[in-house]
PDB file of all heavy atoms in Angstrom:
ATOM      1  N   GLY A   1       0.806  -1.222   0.000  1.00  0.00           N
ATOM      2  CA  GLY A   1       0.000   0.000   0.000  1.00  0.00           C
ATOM      3  C   GLY A   1       0.832   1.262   0.000  1.00  0.00           C
ATOM      4  O   GLY A   1       0.331   2.356  -0.287  1.00  0.00           O
ATOM      5  N   LEU A   2       2.131   1.133   0.346  1.00  0.00           N
ATOM      6  CA  LEU A   2       3.059   2.254   0.279  1.00  0.00           C
ATOM      7  C   LEU A   2       3.727   2.286  -1.096  1.00  0.00           C
ATOM      8  O   LEU A   2       3.967   1.243  -1.704  1.00  0.00           O
ATOM      9  CB  LEU A   2       4.138   2.140   1.360  1.00  0.00           C
ATOM     10  CG  LEU A   2       3.683   2.185   2.816  1.00  0.00           C
ATOM     11  CD1 LEU A   2       4.864   1.891   3.740  1.00  0.00           C
ATOM     12  CD2 LEU A   2       3.070   3.534   3.156  1.00  0.00           C
ATOM     13  N   THR A   3       4.056   3.479  -1.572  1.00  0.00           N
ATOM     14  CA  THR A   3       4.752   3.626  -2.847  1.00  0.00           C
ATOM     15  C   THR A   3       5.978   4.517  -2.666  1.00  0.00           C
ATOM     16  O   THR A   3       5.973   5.416  -1.817  1.00  0.00           O
ATOM     17  CB  THR A   3       3.835   4.253  -3.912  1.00  0.00           C
ATOM     18  OG1 THR A   3       3.457   5.578  -3.504  1.00  0.00           O
ATOM     19  CG2 THR A   3       2.584   3.407  -4.110  1.00  0.00           C
ATOM     20  N   PRO A   4       7.036   4.293  -3.454  1.00  0.00           N
ATOM     21  CA  PRO A   4       8.230   5.131  -3.337  1.00  0.00           C
ATOM     22  C   PRO A   4       7.949   6.614  -3.532  1.00  0.00           C
ATOM     23  O   PRO A   4       8.607   7.461  -2.914  1.00  0.00           O
ATOM     24  CB  PRO A   4       9.149   4.589  -4.445  1.00  0.00           C
ATOM     25  CG  PRO A   4       8.709   3.169  -4.629  1.00  0.00           C
ATOM     26  CD  PRO A   4       7.226   3.178  -4.406  1.00  0.00           C
ATOM     27  N   GLY A   5       6.964   6.943  -4.378  1.00  0.00           N
ATOM     28  CA  GLY A   5       6.643   8.338  -4.625  1.00  0.00           C
ATOM     29  C   GLY A   5       6.198   9.093  -3.383  1.00  0.00           C
ATOM     30  O   GLY A   5       6.369  10.318  -3.302  1.00  0.00           O
ATOM     31  N   GLU A   6       5.621   8.379  -2.402  1.00  0.00           N
ATOM     32  CA  GLU A   6       5.179   9.029  -1.167  1.00  0.00           C
ATOM     33  C   GLU A   6       6.339   9.618  -0.379  1.00  0.00           C
ATOM     34  O   GLU A   6       6.152  10.539   0.419  1.00  0.00           O
ATOM     35  CB  GLU A   6       4.423   8.035  -0.283  1.00  0.00           C
ATOM     36  CG  GLU A   6       3.116   7.522  -0.839  1.00  0.00           C
ATOM     37  CD  GLU A   6       2.442   6.576   0.127  1.00  0.00           C
ATOM     38  OE1 GLU A   6       1.937   7.056   1.157  1.00  0.00           O
ATOM     39  OE2 GLU A   6       2.432   5.353  -0.134  1.00  0.00           O
ATOM     40  N   PHE A   7       7.531   9.077  -0.577  1.00  0.00           N
ATOM     41  CA  PHE A   7       8.690   9.508   0.190  1.00  0.00           C
ATOM     42  C   PHE A   7       9.449  10.665  -0.472  1.00  0.00           C
ATOM     43  O   PHE A   7      10.362  11.214   0.123  1.00  0.00           O
ATOM     44  CB  PHE A   7       9.649   8.335   0.392  1.00  0.00           C
ATOM     45  CG  PHE A   7       9.098   7.243   1.270  1.00  0.00           C
ATOM     46  CD1 PHE A   7       8.308   6.236   0.738  1.00  0.00           C
ATOM     47  CD2 PHE A   7       9.370   7.225   2.625  1.00  0.00           C
ATOM     48  CE1 PHE A   7       7.794   5.219   1.538  1.00  0.00           C
ATOM     49  CE2 PHE A   7       8.866   6.217   3.438  1.00  0.00           C
ATOM     50  CZ  PHE A   7       8.077   5.217   2.887  1.00  0.00           C
ATOM     51  N   ALA A   8       9.067  11.006  -1.699  1.00  0.00           N
ATOM     52  CA  ALA A   8       9.731  12.104  -2.394  1.00  0.00           C
ATOM     53  C   ALA A   8       9.469  13.419  -1.662  1.00  0.00           C
ATOM     54  O   ALA A   8       8.330  13.776  -1.364  1.00  0.00           O
ATOM     55  CB  ALA A   8       9.245  12.190  -3.838  1.00  0.00           C
ATOM     56  N   GLY A   9      10.524  14.132  -1.359  1.00  0.00           N
ATOM     57  CA  GLY A   9      10.396  15.409  -0.675  1.00  0.00           C
ATOM     58  C   GLY A   9      10.177  15.318   0.822  1.00  0.00           C
ATOM     59  O   GLY A   9      10.108  16.346   1.497  1.00  0.00           O
ATOM     60  N   VAL A  10      10.068  14.096   1.370  1.00  0.00           N
ATOM     61  CA  VAL A  10       9.895  13.925   2.812  1.00  0.00           C
ATOM     62  C   VAL A  10      11.250  14.092   3.501  1.00  0.00           C
ATOM     63  O   VAL A  10      12.258  13.551   3.049  1.00  0.00           O
ATOM     64  CB  VAL A  10       9.290  12.543   3.138  1.00  0.00           C
ATOM     65  CG1 VAL A  10       9.237  12.324   4.647  1.00  0.00           C
ATOM     66  CG2 VAL A  10       7.900  12.425   2.545  1.00  0.00           C
ATOM     67  N   LYS A  11      11.274  14.849   4.573  1.00  0.00           N
ATOM     68  CA  LYS A  11      12.518  15.126   5.290  1.00  0.00           C
ATOM     69  C   LYS A  11      13.205  13.841   5.731  1.00  0.00           C
ATOM     70  O   LYS A  11      12.580  12.945   6.295  1.00  0.00           O
ATOM     71  CB  LYS A  11      12.246  16.006   6.508  1.00  0.00           C
ATOM     72  CG  LYS A  11      13.483  16.311   7.345  1.00  0.00           C
ATOM     73  CD  LYS A  11      13.111  17.100   8.602  1.00  0.00           C
ATOM     74  CE  LYS A  11      14.337  17.312   9.484  1.00  0.00           C
ATOM     75  NZ  LYS A  11      13.993  17.994  10.752  1.00  0.00           N
ATOM     76  N   ARG A  12      14.489  13.739   5.475  1.00  0.00           N
ATOM     77  CA  ARG A  12      15.318  12.645   5.967  1.00  0.00           C
ATOM     78  C   ARG A  12      15.918  13.075   7.300  1.00  0.00           C
ATOM     79  O   ARG A  12      16.850  13.881   7.319  1.00  0.00           O
ATOM     80  CB  ARG A  12      16.448  12.319   4.990  1.00  0.00           C
ATOM     81  CG  ARG A  12      16.058  11.405   3.830  1.00  0.00           C
ATOM     82  CD  ARG A  12      15.047  11.951   2.882  1.00  0.00           C
ATOM     83  NE  ARG A  12      15.018  11.182   1.644  1.00  0.00           N
ATOM     84  CZ  ARG A  12      13.944  10.846   0.984  1.00  0.00           C
ATOM     85  NH1 ARG A  12      12.729  11.237   1.430  1.00  0.00           N
ATOM     86  NH2 ARG A  12      14.016  10.151  -0.134  1.00  0.00           N
ATOM     87  N   TRP A  13      15.389  12.547   8.358  1.00  0.00           N
ATOM     88  CA  TRP A  13      15.950  12.848   9.671  1.00  0.00           C
ATOM     89  C   TRP A  13      17.082  11.871   9.967  1.00  0.00           C
ATOM     90  O   TRP A  13      17.031  10.700   9.593  1.00  0.00           O
ATOM     91  CB  TRP A  13      14.868  12.735  10.751  1.00  0.00           C
ATOM     92  CG  TRP A  13      15.425  12.872  12.138  1.00  0.00           C
ATOM     93  CD1 TRP A  13      15.600  14.014  12.848  1.00  0.00           C
ATOM     94  CD2 TRP A  13      15.885  11.810  12.979  1.00  0.00           C
ATOM     95  NE1 TRP A  13      16.146  13.735  14.076  1.00  0.00           N
ATOM     96  CE2 TRP A  13      16.334  12.397  14.181  1.00  0.00           C
ATOM     97  CE3 TRP A  13      15.958  10.429  12.821  1.00  0.00           C
ATOM     98  CZ2 TRP A  13      16.853  11.635  15.221  1.00  0.00           C
ATOM     99  CZ3 TRP A  13      16.487   9.668  13.848  1.00  0.00           C
ATOM    100  CH2 TRP A  13      16.915  10.278  15.040  1.00  0.00           C
ATOM    101  N   VAL A  14      18.107  12.343  10.637  1.00  0.00           N
ATOM    102  CA  VAL A  14      19.234  11.485  10.979  1.00  0.00           C
ATOM    103  C   VAL A  14      19.643  11.729  12.426  1.00  0.00           C
ATOM    104  O   VAL A  14      19.592  12.872  12.921  1.00  0.00           O
ATOM    105  CB  VAL A  14      20.422  11.730  10.026  1.00  0.00           C
ATOM    106  CG1 VAL A  14      20.908  13.173  10.099  1.00  0.00           C
ATOM    107  CG2 VAL A  14      21.570  10.768  10.295  1.00  0.00           C
ATOM    108  N   GLY A  15      19.999  10.679  13.139  1.00  0.00           N
ATOM    109  CA  GLY A  15      20.436  10.794  14.528  1.00  0.00           C
ATOM    110  C   GLY A  15      21.456   9.726  14.860  1.00  0.00           C
ATOM    111  O   GLY A  15      21.599   8.721  14.142  1.00  0.00           O
ATOM    112  N   LEU A  16      22.192   9.928  15.951  1.00  0.00           N
ATOM    113  CA  LEU A  16      23.247   9.010  16.374  1.00  0.00           C
ATOM    114  C   LEU A  16      22.842   8.271  17.643  1.00  0.00           C
ATOM    115  O   LEU A  16      22.574   8.888  18.671  1.00  0.00           O
ATOM    116  CB  LEU A  16      24.549   9.772  16.628  1.00  0.00           C
ATOM    117  CG  LEU A  16      25.204  10.445  15.420  1.00  0.00           C
ATOM    118  CD1 LEU A  16      26.407  11.263  15.869  1.00  0.00           C
ATOM    119  CD2 LEU A  16      25.630   9.413  14.388  1.00  0.00           C
ATOM    120  N   ARG A  17      22.819   6.950  17.567  1.00  0.00           N
ATOM    121  CA  ARG A  17      22.562   6.137  18.748  1.00  0.00           C
ATOM    122  C   ARG A  17      23.904   5.832  19.431  1.00  0.00           C
ATOM    123  O   ARG A  17      24.861   5.420  18.762  1.00  0.00           O
ATOM    124  CB  ARG A  17      21.877   4.836  18.363  1.00  0.00           C
ATOM    125  CG  ARG A  17      20.692   4.994  17.415  1.00  0.00           C
ATOM    126  CD  ARG A  17      20.205   3.647  17.030  1.00  0.00           C
ATOM    127  NE  ARG A  17      19.207   3.612  16.005  1.00  0.00           N
ATOM    128  CZ  ARG A  17      19.463   3.371  14.707  1.00  0.00           C
ATOM    129  NH1 ARG A  17      20.719   3.179  14.299  1.00  0.00           N
ATOM    130  NH2 ARG A  17      18.483   3.334  13.830  1.00  0.00           N
ATOM    131  N   PRO A  18      24.002   5.990  20.742  1.00  0.00           N
ATOM    132  CA  PRO A  18      25.266   5.724  21.437  1.00  0.00           C
ATOM    133  C   PRO A  18      25.438   4.230  21.704  1.00  0.00           C
ATOM    134  O   PRO A  18      24.722   3.645  22.513  1.00  0.00           O
ATOM    135  CB  PRO A  18      25.124   6.511  22.739  1.00  0.00           C
ATOM    136  CG  PRO A  18      23.640   6.567  22.976  1.00  0.00           C
ATOM    137  CD  PRO A  18      22.965   6.538  21.635  1.00  0.00           C
ATOM    138  N   CYS A  19      26.383   3.593  21.015  1.00  0.00           N
ATOM    139  CA  CYS A  19      26.536   2.142  21.057  1.00  0.00           C
ATOM    140  C   CYS A  19      27.778   1.734  21.840  1.00  0.00           C
ATOM    141  O   CYS A  19      28.905   2.083  21.462  1.00  0.00           O
ATOM    142  CB  CYS A  19      26.630   1.581  19.641  1.00  0.00           C
ATOM    143  SG  CYS A  19      25.174   1.934  18.604  1.00  0.00           S
ATOM    144  N   SER A  20      27.591   0.967  22.901  1.00  0.00           N
ATOM    145  CA  SER A  20      28.708   0.395  23.649  1.00  0.00           C
ATOM    146  C   SER A  20      29.180  -0.881  22.954  1.00  0.00           C
ATOM    147  O   SER A  20      28.447  -1.465  22.154  1.00  0.00           O
ATOM    148  CB  SER A  20      28.283   0.088  25.087  1.00  0.00           C
ATOM    149  OG  SER A  20      27.375  -1.004  25.103  1.00  0.00           O
ATOM    150  N   PRO A  21      30.388  -1.380  23.244  1.00  0.00           N
ATOM    151  CA  PRO A  21      30.885  -2.577  22.562  1.00  0.00           C
ATOM    152  C   PRO A  21      30.132  -3.854  22.909  1.00  0.00           C
ATOM    153  O   PRO A  21      30.112  -4.781  22.104  1.00  0.00           O
ATOM    154  CB  PRO A  21      32.346  -2.678  23.025  1.00  0.00           C
ATOM    155  CG  PRO A  21      32.697  -1.347  23.561  1.00  0.00           C
ATOM    156  CD  PRO A  21      31.429  -0.766  24.089  1.00  0.00           C
ATOM    157  N   ASP A  22      29.529  -3.930  24.087  1.00  0.00           N
ATOM    158  CA  ASP A  22      28.830  -5.157  24.461  1.00  0.00           C
ATOM    159  C   ASP A  22      27.317  -5.057  24.306  1.00  0.00           C
ATOM    160  O   ASP A  22      26.589  -5.997  24.637  1.00  0.00           O
ATOM    161  CB  ASP A  22      29.190  -5.580  25.891  1.00  0.00           C
ATOM    162  CG  ASP A  22      28.830  -4.532  26.941  1.00  0.00           C
ATOM    163  OD1 ASP A  22      28.290  -3.466  26.576  1.00  0.00           O
ATOM    164  OD2 ASP A  22      29.105  -4.777  28.143  1.00  0.00           O
ATOM    165  N   GLY A  23      26.820  -3.915  23.789  1.00  0.00           N
ATOM    166  CA  GLY A  23      25.395  -3.766  23.569  1.00  0.00           C
ATOM    167  C   GLY A  23      24.590  -3.470  24.814  1.00  0.00           C
ATOM    168  O   GLY A  23      23.361  -3.483  24.775  1.00  0.00           O
ATOM    169  N   LEU A  24      25.255  -3.191  25.934  1.00  0.00           N
ATOM    170  CA  LEU A  24      24.591  -2.851  27.185  1.00  0.00           C
ATOM    171  C   LEU A  24      24.897  -1.399  27.531  1.00  0.00           C
ATOM    172  O   LEU A  24      25.981  -0.896  27.214  1.00  0.00           O
ATOM    173  CB  LEU A  24      25.058  -3.757  28.324  1.00  0.00           C
ATOM    174  CG  LEU A  24      24.799  -5.268  28.155  1.00  0.00           C
ATOM    175  CD1 LEU A  24      25.417  -6.036  29.316  1.00  0.00           C
ATOM    176  CD2 LEU A  24      23.310  -5.557  28.061  1.00  0.00           C
ATOM    177  N   PRO A  25      23.969  -0.710  28.189  1.00  0.00           N
ATOM    178  CA  PRO A  25      24.244   0.682  28.560  1.00  0.00           C
ATOM    179  C   PRO A  25      25.275   0.806  29.667  1.00  0.00           C
ATOM    180  O   PRO A  25      25.574  -0.174  30.370  1.00  0.00           O
ATOM    181  CB  PRO A  25      22.874   1.197  29.032  1.00  0.00           C
ATOM    182  CG  PRO A  25      22.083   0.000  29.367  1.00  0.00           C
ATOM    183  CD  PRO A  25      22.602  -1.132  28.540  1.00  0.00           C
ATOM    184  N   TYR A  26      25.826   1.994  29.799  1.00  0.00           N
ATOM    185  CA  TYR A  26      26.628   2.368  30.955  1.00  0.00           C
ATOM    186  C   TYR A  26      25.702   3.044  31.959  1.00  0.00           C
ATOM    187  O   TYR A  26      25.022   4.019  31.627  1.00  0.00           O
ATOM    188  CB  TYR A  26      27.734   3.346  30.572  1.00  0.00           C
ATOM    189  CG  TYR A  26      28.732   2.821  29.562  1.00  0.00           C
ATOM    190  CD1 TYR A  26      28.677   3.220  28.231  1.00  0.00           C
ATOM    191  CD2 TYR A  26      29.736   1.943  29.946  1.00  0.00           C
ATOM    192  CE1 TYR A  26      29.606   2.758  27.312  1.00  0.00           C
ATOM    193  CE2 TYR A  26      30.662   1.469  29.029  1.00  0.00           C
ATOM    194  CZ  TYR A  26      30.592   1.877  27.718  1.00  0.00           C
ATOM    195  OH  TYR A  26      31.507   1.417  26.796  1.00  0.00           O
ATOM    196  N   LEU A  27      25.686   2.549  33.181  1.00  0.00           N
ATOM    197  CA  LEU A  27      24.792   3.129  34.173  1.00  0.00           C
ATOM    198  C   LEU A  27      25.382   2.951  35.566  1.00  0.00           C
ATOM    199  O   LEU A  27      25.437   1.838  36.091  1.00  0.00           O
ATOM    200  CB  LEU A  27      23.402   2.490  34.090  1.00  0.00           C
ATOM    201  CG  LEU A  27      22.317   3.034  35.027  1.00  0.00           C
ATOM    202  CD1 LEU A  27      22.186   4.533  34.903  1.00  0.00           C
ATOM    203  CD2 LEU A  27      20.982   2.366  34.728  1.00  0.00           C
ATOM    204  N   GLY A  28      25.816   4.053  36.152  1.00  0.00           N
ATOM    205  CA  GLY A  28      26.335   3.996  37.510  1.00  0.00           C
ATOM    206  C   GLY A  28      27.372   5.075  37.764  1.00  0.00           C
ATOM    207  O   GLY A  28      27.742   5.838  36.858  1.00  0.00           O
ATOM    208  N   PRO A  29      27.874   5.160  38.996  1.00  0.00           N
ATOM    209  CA  PRO A  29      28.891   6.154  39.349  1.00  0.00           C
ATOM    210  C   PRO A  29      30.224   5.869  38.680  1.00  0.00           C
ATOM    211  O   PRO A  29      30.548   4.727  38.366  1.00  0.00           O
ATOM    212  CB  PRO A  29      28.993   6.026  40.880  1.00  0.00           C
ATOM    213  CG  PRO A  29      27.882   5.156  41.316  1.00  0.00           C
ATOM    214  CD  PRO A  29      27.470   4.333  40.163  1.00  0.00           C
ATOM    215  N   VAL A  30      30.990   6.923  38.475  1.00  0.00           N
ATOM    216  CA  VAL A  30      32.342   6.797  37.937  1.00  0.00           C
ATOM    217  C   VAL A  30      33.276   6.347  39.054  1.00  0.00           C
ATOM    218  O   VAL A  30      33.265   6.934  40.144  1.00  0.00           O
ATOM    219  CB  VAL A  30      32.811   8.145  37.350  1.00  0.00           C
ATOM    220  CG1 VAL A  30      34.279   8.077  36.948  1.00  0.00           C
ATOM    221  CG2 VAL A  30      31.940   8.534  36.155  1.00  0.00           C
ATOM    222  N   PRO A  31      34.083   5.310  38.837  1.00  0.00           N
ATOM    223  CA  PRO A  31      35.023   4.867  39.881  1.00  0.00           C
ATOM    224  C   PRO A  31      35.928   6.004  40.336  1.00  0.00           C
ATOM    225  O   PRO A  31      36.548   6.689  39.526  1.00  0.00           O
ATOM    226  CB  PRO A  31      35.834   3.775  39.165  1.00  0.00           C
ATOM    227  CG  PRO A  31      34.935   3.279  38.068  1.00  0.00           C
ATOM    228  CD  PRO A  31      34.154   4.469  37.626  1.00  0.00           C
ATOM    229  N   GLY A  32      35.957   6.230  41.641  1.00  0.00           N
ATOM    230  CA  GLY A  32      36.772   7.297  42.204  1.00  0.00           C
ATOM    231  C   GLY A  32      36.118   8.656  42.190  1.00  0.00           C
ATOM    232  O   GLY A  32      36.640   9.616  42.779  1.00  0.00           O
ATOM    233  N   ARG A  33      34.989   8.764  41.531  1.00  0.00           N
ATOM    234  CA  ARG A  33      34.232  10.027  41.487  1.00  0.00           C
ATOM    235  C   ARG A  33      32.758   9.696  41.688  1.00  0.00           C
ATOM    236  O   ARG A  33      31.962   9.784  40.761  1.00  0.00           O
ATOM    237  CB  ARG A  33      34.430  10.763  40.165  1.00  0.00           C
ATOM    238  CG  ARG A  33      35.864  11.254  39.933  1.00  0.00           C
ATOM    239  CD  ARG A  33      35.994  11.904  38.583  1.00  0.00           C
ATOM    240  NE  ARG A  33      37.329  12.361  38.306  1.00  0.00           N
ATOM    241  CZ  ARG A  33      37.695  13.640  38.305  1.00  0.00           C
ATOM    242  NH1 ARG A  33      36.821  14.575  38.561  1.00  0.00           N
ATOM    243  NH2 ARG A  33      38.948  13.975  38.016  1.00  0.00           N
ATOM    244  N   GLU A  34      32.387   9.335  42.880  1.00  0.00           N
ATOM    245  CA  GLU A  34      31.065   8.814  43.162  1.00  0.00           C
ATOM    246  C   GLU A  34      29.948   9.819  42.941  1.00  0.00           C
ATOM    247  O   GLU A  34      28.784   9.441  42.828  1.00  0.00           O
ATOM    248  CB  GLU A  34      31.009   8.289  44.611  1.00  0.00           C
ATOM    249  CG  GLU A  34      31.990   7.151  44.887  1.00  0.00           C
ATOM    250  CD  GLU A  34      31.758   5.941  43.971  1.00  0.00           C
ATOM    251  OE1 GLU A  34      30.603   5.492  43.890  1.00  0.00           O
ATOM    252  OE2 GLU A  34      32.720   5.470  43.360  1.00  0.00           O
ATOM    253  N   ARG A  35      30.288  11.107  42.841  1.00  0.00           N
ATOM    254  CA  ARG A  35      29.273  12.129  42.596  1.00  0.00           C
ATOM    255  C   ARG A  35      28.979  12.318  41.114  1.00  0.00           C
ATOM    256  O   ARG A  35      28.094  13.080  40.756  1.00  0.00           O
ATOM    257  CB  ARG A  35      29.700  13.451  43.231  1.00  0.00           C
ATOM    258  CG  ARG A  35      29.840  13.369  44.756  1.00  0.00           C
ATOM    259  CD  ARG A  35      30.600  14.562  45.303  1.00  0.00           C
ATOM    260  NE  ARG A  35      29.848  15.799  45.170  1.00  0.00           N
ATOM    261  CZ  ARG A  35      30.341  17.010  45.455  1.00  0.00           C
ATOM    262  NH1 ARG A  35      31.604  17.114  45.860  1.00  0.00           N
ATOM    263  NH2 ARG A  35      29.587  18.085  45.314  1.00  0.00           N
ATOM    264  N   VAL A  36      29.745  11.640  40.265  1.00  0.00           N
ATOM    265  CA  VAL A  36      29.518  11.686  38.821  1.00  0.00           C
ATOM    266  C   VAL A  36      28.907  10.361  38.392  1.00  0.00           C
ATOM    267  O   VAL A  36      29.470   9.295  38.618  1.00  0.00           O
ATOM    268  CB  VAL A  36      30.829  11.944  38.054  1.00  0.00           C
ATOM    269  CG1 VAL A  36      30.552  12.010  36.552  1.00  0.00           C
ATOM    270  CG2 VAL A  36      31.479  13.238  38.533  1.00  0.00           C
ATOM    271  N   ILE A  37      27.746  10.421  37.745  1.00  0.00           N
ATOM    272  CA  ILE A  37      27.012   9.233  37.313  1.00  0.00           C
ATOM    273  C   ILE A  37      26.880   9.271  35.796  1.00  0.00           C
ATOM    274  O   ILE A  37      26.454  10.283  35.226  1.00  0.00           O
ATOM    275  CB  ILE A  37      25.613   9.190  37.967  1.00  0.00           C
ATOM    276  CG1 ILE A  37      25.740   9.142  39.496  1.00  0.00           C
ATOM    277  CG2 ILE A  37      24.811   8.002  37.455  1.00  0.00           C
ATOM    278  CD1 ILE A  37      24.446   9.491  40.213  1.00  0.00           C
ATOM    279  N   VAL A  38      27.241   8.187  35.139  1.00  0.00           N
ATOM    280  CA  VAL A  38      27.088   8.081  33.692  1.00  0.00           C
ATOM    281  C   VAL A  38      25.828   7.286  33.381  1.00  0.00           C
ATOM    282  O   VAL A  38      25.582   6.226  33.969  1.00  0.00           O
ATOM    283  CB  VAL A  38      28.315   7.410  33.046  1.00  0.00           C
ATOM    284  CG1 VAL A  38      28.076   7.165  31.552  1.00  0.00           C
ATOM    285  CG2 VAL A  38      29.566   8.275  33.229  1.00  0.00           C
ATOM    286  N   ALA A  39      25.023   7.810  32.467  1.00  0.00           N
ATOM    287  CA  ALA A  39      23.814   7.126  31.988  1.00  0.00           C
ATOM    288  C   ALA A  39      23.784   7.287  30.468  1.00  0.00           C
ATOM    289  O   ALA A  39      23.263   8.270  29.938  1.00  0.00           O
ATOM    290  CB  ALA A  39      22.561   7.718  32.634  1.00  0.00           C
ATOM    291  N   SER A  40      24.351   6.332  29.768  1.00  0.00           N
ATOM    292  CA  SER A  40      24.508   6.464  28.318  1.00  0.00           C
ATOM    293  C   SER A  40      24.758   5.089  27.709  1.00  0.00           C
ATOM    294  O   SER A  40      24.824   4.087  28.411  1.00  0.00           O
ATOM    295  CB  SER A  40      25.665   7.416  28.002  1.00  0.00           C
ATOM    296  OG  SER A  40      25.712   7.738  26.629  1.00  0.00           O
ATOM    297  N   GLY A  41      24.896   5.061  26.358  1.00  0.00           N
ATOM    298  CA  GLY A  41      25.239   3.816  25.670  1.00  0.00           C
ATOM    299  C   GLY A  41      24.070   2.879  25.449  1.00  0.00           C
ATOM    300  O   GLY A  41      24.255   1.675  25.317  1.00  0.00           O
ATOM    301  N   HIS A  42      22.850   3.401  25.340  1.00  0.00           N
ATOM    302  CA  HIS A  42      21.652   2.569  25.208  1.00  0.00           C
ATOM    303  C   HIS A  42      21.396   2.099  23.781  1.00  0.00           C
ATOM    304  O   HIS A  42      20.458   1.331  23.542  1.00  0.00           O
ATOM    305  CB  HIS A  42      20.421   3.326  25.717  1.00  0.00           C
ATOM    306  CG  HIS A  42      20.442   3.650  27.172  1.00  0.00           C
ATOM    307  ND1 HIS A  42      21.282   4.601  27.723  1.00  0.00           N
ATOM    308  CD2 HIS A  42      19.710   3.162  28.210  1.00  0.00           C
ATOM    309  CE1 HIS A  42      21.075   4.670  29.019  1.00  0.00           C
ATOM    310  NE2 HIS A  42      20.134   3.820  29.349  1.00  0.00           N
TER     311      HIS A  42
END
């Protein structure tokens, strides 16, 4: 039911996903800096 013509002129949005090497997020305090918490890599 979709046709390629429908996509002509439609904005191509692009974004960057933060990828860790093991596919798991980083979540928790930084070693030695317990007041700094990283929440990323999802």
